[in-house]
C-alpha atoms as a PDB file:
ATOM      1  CA  UNK A   1      30.191 -22.100  22.529  1.00  0.00           C
ATOM      2  CA  UNK A   2      28.303 -19.074  23.847  1.00  0.00           C
ATOM      3  CA  UNK A   3      24.779 -19.400  25.135  1.00  0.00           C
ATOM      4  CA  UNK A   4      22.440 -20.842  22.512  1.00  0.00           C
ATOM      5  CA  UNK A   5      18.745 -20.012  22.825  1.00  0.00           C
ATOM      6  CA  UNK A   6      16.619 -23.006  21.865  1.00  0.00           C
ATOM      7  CA  UNK A   7      12.937 -22.666  20.995  1.00  0.00           C
ATOM      8  CA  UNK A   8      10.471 -25.457  20.267  1.00  0.00           C
ATOM      9  CA  UNK A   9       7.213 -24.721  18.440  1.00  0.00           C
ATOM     10  CA  UNK A  10       4.103 -26.915  18.720  1.00  0.00           C
ATOM     11  CA  UNK A  11       1.260 -26.455  16.274  1.00  0.00           C
ATOM     12  CA  UNK A  12      -0.978 -28.219  13.832  1.00  0.00           C
ATOM     13  CA  UNK A  13      -0.377 -28.559  10.105  1.00  0.00           C
ATOM     14  CA  UNK A  14      -1.598 -25.439   8.332  1.00  0.00           C
ATOM     15  CA  UNK A  15      -1.273 -23.045  11.310  1.00  0.00           C
ATOM     16  CA  UNK A  16       2.137 -21.718  10.331  1.00  0.00           C
ATOM     17  CA  UNK A  17       4.345 -22.946  13.184  1.00  0.00           C
ATOM     18  CA  UNK A  18       6.999 -24.046  10.695  1.00  0.00           C
ATOM     19  CA  UNK A  19       6.753 -20.733   8.841  1.00  0.00           C
ATOM     20  CA  UNK A  20       7.057 -18.777  12.109  1.00  0.00           C
ATOM     21  CA  UNK A  21      10.191 -20.711  13.092  1.00  0.00           C
ATOM     22  CA  UNK A  22      11.739 -20.055   9.676  1.00  0.00           C
ATOM     23  CA  UNK A  23      10.816 -16.341   9.789  1.00  0.00           C
ATOM     24  CA  UNK A  24      12.427 -16.050  13.222  1.00  0.00           C
ATOM     25  CA  UNK A  25      15.549 -17.799  11.921  1.00  0.00           C
ATOM     26  CA  UNK A  26      15.740 -15.420   8.938  1.00  0.00           C
ATOM     27  CA  UNK A  27      15.259 -12.331  11.104  1.00  0.00           C
ATOM     28  CA  UNK A  28      17.909 -13.453  13.604  1.00  0.00           C
ATOM     29  CA  UNK A  29      20.321 -14.287  10.759  1.00  0.00           C
ATOM     30  CA  UNK A  30      19.794 -10.842   9.235  1.00  0.00           C
ATOM     31  CA  UNK A  31      20.859  -9.238  12.531  1.00  0.00           C
ATOM     32  CA  UNK A  32      24.140 -11.164  12.566  1.00  0.00           C
ATOM     33  CA  UNK A  33      23.183 -14.192  14.633  1.00  0.00           C
ATOM     34  CA  UNK A  34      23.933 -17.819  13.860  1.00  0.00           C
ATOM     35  CA  UNK A  35      20.717 -19.751  13.432  1.00  0.00           C
ATOM     36  CA  UNK A  36      18.950 -22.992  12.824  1.00  0.00           C
ATOM     37  CA  UNK A  37      15.279 -23.299  11.970  1.00  0.00           C
ATOM     38  CA  UNK A  38      13.771 -26.648  11.033  1.00  0.00           C
ATOM     39  CA  UNK A  39      10.517 -28.629  11.267  1.00  0.00           C
ATOM     40  CA  UNK A  40       9.781 -32.180  12.333  1.00  0.00           C
ATOM     41  CA  UNK A  41       6.752 -33.876  10.856  1.00  0.00           C
ATOM     42  CA  UNK A  42       4.648 -36.821  11.835  1.00  0.00           C
ATOM     43  CA  UNK A  43       1.830 -37.528   9.395  1.00  0.00           C
ATOM     44  CA  UNK A  44       1.997 -34.708   6.869  1.00  0.00           C
ATOM     45  CA  UNK A  45      -1.589 -33.584   6.769  1.00  0.00           C
ATOM     46  CA  UNK A  46      -3.610 -30.519   7.632  1.00  0.00           C
ATOM     47  CA  UNK A  47      -4.408 -30.458  11.344  1.00  0.00           C
ATOM     48  CA  UNK A  48      -1.847 -33.057  12.410  1.00  0.00           C
ATOM     49  CA  UNK A  49       0.505 -32.048  15.251  1.00  0.00           C
ATOM     50  CA  UNK A  50       3.847 -30.702  14.053  1.00  0.00           C
ATOM     51  CA  UNK A  51       6.960 -29.510  15.831  1.00  0.00           C
ATOM     52  CA  UNK A  52       9.437 -26.902  14.635  1.00  0.00           C
ATOM     53  CA  UNK A  53      12.675 -25.698  16.190  1.00  0.00           C
ATOM     54  CA  UNK A  54      15.005 -22.703  16.423  1.00  0.00           C
ATOM     55  CA  UNK A  55      18.532 -22.362  17.707  1.00  0.00           C
ATOM     56  CA  UNK A  56      19.915 -18.832  17.874  1.00  0.00           C
ATOM     57  CA  UNK A  57      23.420 -17.878  18.989  1.00  0.00           C
ATOM     58  CA  UNK A  58      26.098 -15.188  18.704  1.00  0.00           C
ATOM     59  CA  UNK A  59      28.594 -17.902  17.795  1.00  0.00           C
ATOM     60  CA  UNK A  60      28.615 -20.754  15.322  1.00  0.00           C
ATOM     61  CA  UNK A  61      26.200 -23.574  16.228  1.00  0.00           C
ATOM     62  CA  UNK A  62      27.699 -27.049  16.089  1.00  0.00           C
ATOM     63  CA  UNK A  63      24.709 -29.019  17.403  1.00  0.00           C
ATOM     64  CA  UNK A  64      22.593 -30.733  14.727  1.00  0.00           C
ATOM     65  CA  UNK A  65      19.707 -32.513  16.440  1.00  0.00           C
ATOM     66  CA  UNK A  66      16.182 -31.943  17.616  1.00  0.00           C
ATOM     67  CA  UNK A  67      15.791 -29.790  20.711  1.00  0.00           C
ATOM     68  CA  UNK A  68      15.113 -31.801  23.837  1.00  0.00           C
ATOM     69  CA  UNK A  69      15.664 -29.146  26.544  1.00  0.00           C
ATOM     70  CA  UNK A  70      14.315 -25.903  25.085  1.00  0.00           C
ATOM     71  CA  UNK A  71      14.592 -22.503  26.731  1.00  0.00           C
ATOM     72  CA  UNK A  72      11.205 -21.521  25.304  1.00  0.00           C
ATOM     73  CA  UNK A  73       8.176 -23.353  23.952  1.00  0.00           C
ATOM     74  CA  UNK A  74       5.546 -21.751  21.701  1.00  0.00           C
ATOM     75  CA  UNK A  75       2.180 -23.512  21.520  1.00  0.00           C
ATOM     76  CA  UNK A  76       0.233 -22.275  18.485  1.00  0.00           C
ATOM     77  CA  UNK A  77      -2.858 -24.397  19.234  1.00  0.00           C
ATOM     78  CA  UNK A  78      -4.019 -24.740  22.846  1.00  0.00           C
ATOM     79  CA  UNK A  79      -5.788 -28.053  22.098  1.00  0.00           C
ATOM     80  CA  UNK A  80      -2.287 -29.547  22.059  1.00  0.00           C
ATOM     81  CA  UNK A  81      -1.956 -28.861  25.803  1.00  0.00           C
ATOM     82  CA  UNK A  82      -3.986 -31.980  26.554  1.00  0.00           C
ATOM     83  CA  UNK A  83      -2.724 -34.219  23.747  1.00  0.00           C
ATOM     84  CA  UNK A  84       1.035 -33.475  23.531  1.00  0.00           C
ATOM     85  CA  UNK A  85       3.550 -33.091  26.380  1.00  0.00           C
ATOM     86  CA  UNK A  86       4.462 -29.543  25.350  1.00  0.00           C
ATOM     87  CA  UNK A  87       6.567 -28.942  28.472  1.00  0.00           C
ATOM     88  CA  UNK A  88       8.777 -32.019  27.990  1.00  0.00           C
ATOM     89  CA  UNK A  89      12.325 -30.910  28.782  1.00  0.00           C
ATOM     90  CA  UNK A  90      11.352 -27.223  29.032  1.00  0.00           C
ATOM     91  CA  UNK A  91      13.815 -25.425  31.294  1.00  0.00           C
ATOM     92  CA  UNK A  92      12.153 -23.883  34.334  1.00  0.00           C
ATOM     93  CA  UNK A  93      14.200 -20.702  33.893  1.00  0.00           C
ATOM     94  CA  UNK A  94      12.656 -20.414  30.418  1.00  0.00           C
ATOM     95  CA  UNK A  95       9.003 -19.935  29.533  1.00  0.00           C
ATOM     96  CA  UNK A  96       6.064 -21.292  27.597  1.00  0.00           C
ATOM     97  CA  UNK A  97       3.943 -19.037  25.358  1.00  0.00           C
ATOM     98  CA  UNK A  98       0.447 -20.330  24.531  1.00  0.00           C
ATOM     99  CA  UNK A  99      -2.062 -19.086  21.970  1.00  0.00           C
ATOM    100  CA  UNK A 100      -5.263 -19.147  24.002  1.00  0.00           C
ATOM    101  CA  UNK A 101      -8.065 -17.043  25.429  1.00  0.00           C
ATOM    102  CA  UNK A 102      -7.192 -18.439  28.878  1.00  0.00           C
ATOM    103  CA  UNK A 103      -5.080 -16.536  31.385  1.00  0.00           C
ATOM    104  CA  UNK A 104      -1.633 -17.831  32.386  1.00  0.00           C
ATOM    105  CA  UNK A 105      -3.161 -18.935  35.709  1.00  0.00           C
ATOM    106  CA  UNK A 106      -5.796 -21.000  33.871  1.00  0.00           C
ATOM    107  CA  UNK A 107      -3.152 -22.626  31.651  1.00  0.00           C
ATOM    108  CA  UNK A 108      -0.761 -23.634  34.466  1.00  0.00           C
ATOM    109  CA  UNK A 109      -2.823 -26.646  35.677  1.00  0.00           C
ATOM    110  CA  UNK A 110      -2.683 -28.080  32.138  1.00  0.00           C
ATOM    111  CA  UNK A 111       1.138 -28.068  32.056  1.00  0.00           C
ATOM    112  CA  UNK A 112       1.920 -31.288  33.951  1.00  0.00           C
ATOM    113  CA  UNK A 113       3.540 -29.548  36.914  1.00  0.00           C
ATOM    114  CA  UNK A 114       5.713 -27.117  34.942  1.00  0.00           C
ATOM    115  CA  UNK A 115       6.901 -24.435  37.380  1.00  0.00           C
ATOM    116  CA  UNK A 116       8.452 -21.909  34.997  1.00  0.00           C
ATOM    117  CA  UNK A 117       6.972 -18.787  33.495  1.00  0.00           C
ATOM    118  CA  UNK A 118       3.718 -19.043  31.547  1.00  0.00           C
ATOM    119  CA  UNK A 119       2.640 -16.455  28.971  1.00  0.00           C
ATOM    120  CA  UNK A 120      -0.544 -16.308  26.945  1.00  0.00           C
ATOM    121  CA  UNK A 121      -1.602 -14.425  23.842  1.00  0.00           C
ATOM    122  CA  UNK A 122      -4.920 -14.389  22.006  1.00  0.00           C
ATOM    123  CA  UNK A 123      -3.397 -14.839  18.558  1.00  0.00           C
ATOM    124  CA  UNK A 124      -6.824 -15.571  17.040  1.00  0.00           C
ATOM    125  CA  UNK A 125      -8.236 -12.205  18.094  1.00  0.00           C
ATOM    126  CA  UNK A 126      -5.145 -10.283  16.980  1.00  0.00           C
ATOM    127  CA  UNK A 127      -5.014 -12.124  13.664  1.00  0.00           C
ATOM    128  CA  UNK A 128      -8.699 -11.598  12.898  1.00  0.00           C
ATOM    129  CA  UNK A 129      -8.537  -7.898  13.805  1.00  0.00           C
ATOM    130  CA  UNK A 130      -5.319  -7.112  11.904  1.00  0.00           C
ATOM    131  CA  UNK A 131      -5.372  -9.599   9.015  1.00  0.00           C
ATOM    132  CA  UNK A 132      -9.066 -10.421   8.647  1.00  0.00           C
ATOM    133  CA  UNK A 133      -8.267 -14.158   8.758  1.00  0.00           C
ATOM    134  CA  UNK A 134      -6.948 -16.639  11.271  1.00  0.00           C
ATOM    135  CA  UNK A 135      -3.176 -16.818  10.860  1.00  0.00           C
ATOM    136  CA  UNK A 136      -1.910 -17.451  14.414  1.00  0.00           C
ATOM    137  CA  UNK A 137       1.748 -17.706  13.441  1.00  0.00           C
ATOM    138  CA  UNK A 138       2.315 -13.963  12.986  1.00  0.00           C
ATOM    139  CA  UNK A 139       1.112 -12.919  16.468  1.00  0.00           C
ATOM    140  CA  UNK A 140       2.856 -15.939  18.002  1.00  0.00           C
ATOM    141  CA  UNK A 141       6.108 -14.880  16.365  1.00  0.00           C
ATOM    142  CA  UNK A 142       5.821 -11.415  17.930  1.00  0.00           C
ATOM    143  CA  UNK A 143       5.030 -12.914  21.334  1.00  0.00           C
ATOM    144  CA  UNK A 144       8.031 -15.275  21.155  1.00  0.00           C
ATOM    145  CA  UNK A 145      10.419 -12.412  20.336  1.00  0.00           C
ATOM    146  CA  UNK A 146       8.986 -10.312  23.191  1.00  0.00           C
ATOM    147  CA  UNK A 147       9.116 -13.078  25.821  1.00  0.00           C
ATOM    148  CA  UNK A 148      12.466 -14.588  24.816  1.00  0.00           C
ATOM    149  CA  UNK A 149      14.318 -11.326  24.181  1.00  0.00           C
ATOM    150  CA  UNK A 150      16.270 -13.319  21.616  1.00  0.00           C
ATOM    151  CA  UNK A 151      16.728 -10.196  19.515  1.00  0.00           C
ATOM    152  CA  UNK A 152      16.096  -6.474  19.666  1.00  0.00           C
ATOM    153  CA  UNK A 153      12.401  -5.799  19.029  1.00  0.00           C
ATOM    154  CA  UNK A 154      12.993  -2.803  16.730  1.00  0.00           C
ATOM    155  CA  UNK A 155      15.562  -4.712  14.682  1.00  0.00           C
ATOM    156  CA  UNK A 156      13.126  -7.609  14.479  1.00  0.00           C
ATOM    157  CA  UNK A 157      10.235  -5.421  13.307  1.00  0.00           C
ATOM    158  CA  UNK A 158      12.426  -3.645  10.743  1.00  0.00           C
ATOM    159  CA  UNK A 159      13.604  -6.978   9.379  1.00  0.00           C
ATOM    160  CA  UNK A 160      10.054  -8.321   9.232  1.00  0.00           C
ATOM    161  CA  UNK A 161       8.878  -5.244   7.296  1.00  0.00           C
ATOM    162  CA  UNK A 162      11.566  -5.935   4.691  1.00  0.00           C
ATOM    163  CA  UNK A 163      10.709  -9.629   4.644  1.00  0.00           C
ATOM    164  CA  UNK A 164       6.990  -8.889   4.199  1.00  0.00           C
ATOM    165  CA  UNK A 165       7.755  -6.366   1.426  1.00  0.00           C
ATOM    166  CA  UNK A 166       9.588  -9.111  -0.441  1.00  0.00           C
ATOM    167  CA  UNK A 167       7.111 -11.884   0.328  1.00  0.00           C
ATOM    168  CA  UNK A 168       3.992  -9.808  -0.365  1.00  0.00           C
ATOM    169  CA  UNK A 169       5.312  -7.535  -3.126  1.00  0.00           C
ATOM    170  CA  UNK A 170       2.146  -8.136  -5.151  1.00  0.00           C
ATOM    171  CA  UNK A 171      -0.117  -7.609  -2.094  1.00  0.00           C
ATOM    172  CA  UNK A 172       1.185  -4.507  -0.270  1.00  0.00           C
ATOM    173  CA  UNK A 173      -2.044  -4.259   1.754  1.00  0.00           C
ATOM    174  CA  UNK A 174      -1.024  -7.438   3.601  1.00  0.00           C
ATOM    175  CA  UNK A 175       2.210  -5.886   4.900  1.00  0.00           C
ATOM    176  CA  UNK A 176       0.550  -3.384   7.232  1.00  0.00           C
ATOM    177  CA  UNK A 177      -1.726  -6.011   8.781  1.00  0.00           C
ATOM    178  CA  UNK A 178       1.161  -8.385   9.471  1.00  0.00           C
ATOM    179  CA  UNK A 179       3.256  -5.638  11.061  1.00  0.00           C
ATOM    180  CA  UNK A 180       0.298  -4.582  13.227  1.00  0.00           C
ATOM    181  CA  UNK A 181      -0.194  -8.211  14.275  1.00  0.00           C
ATOM    182  CA  UNK A 182       3.454  -8.429  15.395  1.00  0.00           C
ATOM    183  CA  UNK A 183       3.310  -5.124  17.263  1.00  0.00           C
ATOM    184  CA  UNK A 184       0.054  -5.935  19.024  1.00  0.00           C
ATOM    185  CA  UNK A 185       1.310  -9.363  20.063  1.00  0.00           C
ATOM    186  CA  UNK A 186       4.385  -7.792  21.634  1.00  0.00           C
ATOM    187  CA  UNK A 187       2.132  -5.407  23.571  1.00  0.00           C
ATOM    188  CA  UNK A 188      -0.633  -7.868  24.502  1.00  0.00           C
ATOM    189  CA  UNK A 189       1.281 -10.985  25.539  1.00  0.00           C
ATOM    190  CA  UNK A 190       0.680 -11.485  29.263  1.00  0.00           C
ATOM    191  CA  UNK A 191       2.175 -13.528  32.018  1.00  0.00           C
ATOM    192  CA  UNK A 192       5.238 -13.984  34.143  1.00  0.00           C
END
């Protein structure tokens, strides 16, 4: 099998981590990739920690399990940095992307010795300024695509526009805000 990119998402119920993983899977599928996108729940309630996963490949994926050694980790809620081992199994040649107002240097000491790349994005600020509400999943999705390079950014944005047109057909004003949130996240994600 060719190289499979594995991404693990950490968030809290209601923040859209599962939705972001499914949107990424759909976008990758629409560009000809083989994909998997699935959540894992503990207690199913608002605010409870949840985990979601993506596998993306140019060839058929034959693995059907949770992801234990991800290439990338997306942390939608930075309070999880102290309560969940978000870097468990994370490959050092990969990266972690955290929604936070902290810099990558400020986040590193919270990562239990992880030595790989650390990226941060203020998804709250982007969401509030582009959508008028706190939906961190959209900016996080843009940041994950930018950092991982899992698909061409223009193809991704074009696919997301079509997806948003379908999803928000009765609310066209929402489309522009979501696209701006994705674009800004790709520009504003910082780290190395």
